[in-house]
């Protein structure tokens, strides 16, 4: 038997294995979707940080754009350059550093300025959404802030569409395939009938 023949047989066997693996995965998803299991699945939650700078109208809320615990690794830092400088935003990994604007011996950056600069910096904008904190209009001057991590992120329970769980109080249905970054679990209260 020639090399070409052996190669055709090997490729045919690989194709058969791939088809078999795909069928097994599809069957497993179908079985899981048709079983009711005990447990309490959770939806993913986004990490967030509300600054607390102590001034008027200068606090912002940062919310991770991807839900899950990895958002807790995002940090925000405001650096006082102590010398004339333009407002700047840099990102290293998941660390967002805001170098505050400074002129005539004082910080010149407002919360609104920082929000606009972060939204205009693709690497920072990809990590976190920014909005004014409740009761803040963004017009207040900010102060320096040590690097502070977002917190409160939660991974979602992985599930397939139509998968069902129950606990003592609720039944949970996965309305679309769910990864650790999704929130596709819906629930309904259980009651006697």
Foldseek 3Di string as FASTA:
>chain_A
DDPVVVVVVVVVVVVVVVVVVVVVVVVVQVVQLPDEAADDWAFWAWFKDWDCQPDAQAIKMKTFPFFAFVQQVAKEWEAAPQDADDWAWDDDPRYIYTDFGDDPRGTDAWNVNVQVRLCVDVVSVNTIHMDGDPNHPRPDGGDTDHIHGTDDTHFTDFGAANRWYDYPFWIWGQNHGGGRRGGRIDIDTDDDD
